[in-house]
C-alpha atoms as a PDB file:
ATOM      1  CA  UNK A   1     137.619 123.372  -9.676  1.00  0.00           C
ATOM      2  CA  UNK A   2     136.071 122.466  -6.348  1.00  0.00           C
ATOM      3  CA  UNK A   3     133.442 124.759  -4.833  1.00  0.00           C
ATOM      4  CA  UNK A   4     133.605 125.157  -1.088  1.00  0.00           C
ATOM      5  CA  UNK A   5     130.836 126.505   1.052  1.00  0.00           C
ATOM      6  CA  UNK A   6     131.849 128.818   3.859  1.00  0.00           C
ATOM      7  CA  UNK A   7     129.469 129.102   6.779  1.00  0.00           C
ATOM      8  CA  UNK A   8     130.116 131.993   9.110  1.00  0.00           C
ATOM      9  CA  UNK A   9     130.099 131.037  12.825  1.00  0.00           C
ATOM     10  CA  UNK A  10     127.370 133.588  13.535  1.00  0.00           C
ATOM     11  CA  UNK A  11     125.106 131.849  11.014  1.00  0.00           C
ATOM     12  CA  UNK A  12     125.524 128.593  12.920  1.00  0.00           C
ATOM     13  CA  UNK A  13     124.639 130.374  16.163  1.00  0.00           C
ATOM     14  CA  UNK A  14     121.412 131.667  14.618  1.00  0.00           C
ATOM     15  CA  UNK A  15     120.642 128.222  13.194  1.00  0.00           C
ATOM     16  CA  UNK A  16     121.115 126.583  16.594  1.00  0.00           C
ATOM     17  CA  UNK A  17     118.872 129.200  18.230  1.00  0.00           C
ATOM     18  CA  UNK A  18     116.206 128.680  15.576  1.00  0.00           C
ATOM     19  CA  UNK A  19     116.301 124.897  16.003  1.00  0.00           C
ATOM     20  CA  UNK A  20     116.142 125.237  19.804  1.00  0.00           C
ATOM     21  CA  UNK A  21     113.171 127.598  19.488  1.00  0.00           C
ATOM     22  CA  UNK A  22     111.337 125.176  17.228  1.00  0.00           C
ATOM     23  CA  UNK A  23     111.986 122.268  19.610  1.00  0.00           C
ATOM     24  CA  UNK A  24     110.757 124.299  22.602  1.00  0.00           C
ATOM     25  CA  UNK A  25     107.634 125.444  20.747  1.00  0.00           C
ATOM     26  CA  UNK A  26     106.814 121.881  19.683  1.00  0.00           C
ATOM     27  CA  UNK A  27     107.354 120.649  23.256  1.00  0.00           C
ATOM     28  CA  UNK A  28     105.058 123.320  24.676  1.00  0.00           C
ATOM     29  CA  UNK A  29     102.370 122.550  22.090  1.00  0.00           C
ATOM     30  CA  UNK A  30     102.537 118.824  22.784  1.00  0.00           C
ATOM     31  CA  UNK A  31     102.338 119.494  26.536  1.00  0.00           C
ATOM     32  CA  UNK A  32      99.261 121.678  26.155  1.00  0.00           C
ATOM     33  CA  UNK A  33      97.532 119.165  23.876  1.00  0.00           C
ATOM     34  CA  UNK A  34      98.434 116.323  26.282  1.00  0.00           C
ATOM     35  CA  UNK A  35      96.953 118.140  29.307  1.00  0.00           C
ATOM     36  CA  UNK A  36      93.764 119.083  27.447  1.00  0.00           C
ATOM     37  CA  UNK A  37      93.231 115.568  26.122  1.00  0.00           C
ATOM     38  CA  UNK A  38      93.984 114.010  29.525  1.00  0.00           C
ATOM     39  CA  UNK A  39      91.471 116.348  31.160  1.00  0.00           C
ATOM     40  CA  UNK A  40      88.835 115.534  28.544  1.00  0.00           C
ATOM     41  CA  UNK A  41      89.342 111.767  28.889  1.00  0.00           C
ATOM     42  CA  UNK A  42      89.278 111.998  32.702  1.00  0.00           C
ATOM     43  CA  UNK A  43      86.054 113.991  32.564  1.00  0.00           C
ATOM     44  CA  UNK A  44      84.482 111.528  30.119  1.00  0.00           C
ATOM     45  CA  UNK A  45      85.421 108.524  32.285  1.00  0.00           C
ATOM     46  CA  UNK A  46      84.483 110.287  35.526  1.00  0.00           C
ATOM     47  CA  UNK A  47      87.984 110.114  36.982  1.00  0.00           C
ATOM     48  CA  UNK A  48      88.815 112.744  39.628  1.00  0.00           C
ATOM     49  CA  UNK A  49      92.571 112.931  40.146  1.00  0.00           C
ATOM     50  CA  UNK A  50      92.149 115.144  43.226  1.00  0.00           C
ATOM     51  CA  UNK A  51      89.788 112.749  45.023  1.00  0.00           C
ATOM     52  CA  UNK A  52      92.290 111.360  47.546  1.00  0.00           C
ATOM     53  CA  UNK A  53      94.474 114.445  47.936  1.00  0.00           C
ATOM     54  CA  UNK A  54      94.624 116.240  51.260  1.00  0.00           C
ATOM     55  CA  UNK A  55      94.179 119.994  51.062  1.00  0.00           C
ATOM     56  CA  UNK A  56      95.516 122.367  53.692  1.00  0.00           C
ATOM     57  CA  UNK A  57      93.456 125.315  54.848  1.00  0.00           C
ATOM     58  CA  UNK A  58      94.455 128.886  54.034  1.00  0.00           C
ATOM     59  CA  UNK A  59      94.328 130.021  57.653  1.00  0.00           C
ATOM     60  CA  UNK A  60      97.136 132.204  58.962  1.00  0.00           C
ATOM     61  CA  UNK A  61      97.369 132.306  62.736  1.00  0.00           C
ATOM     62  CA  UNK A  62      99.263 135.190  64.312  1.00  0.00           C
ATOM     63  CA  UNK A  63      99.947 135.125  68.044  1.00  0.00           C
ATOM     64  CA  UNK A  64     100.396 138.445  69.801  1.00  0.00           C
ATOM     65  CA  UNK A  65     102.576 138.429  72.892  1.00  0.00           C
END
């Protein structure tokens, strides 16, 4: 006699959600580690990534008529 395994569609939905959650969590963790390590290496080598960037002032000018 052959045994068949029945998987309910709702179980597959939960499995897909769990896998997606794991992938997102791993991606976020890798992103955080990447930014921290990049910042540490830049600081160690004395690299300033904002050196040549132009910054606008925060002035708000309102003209009264």
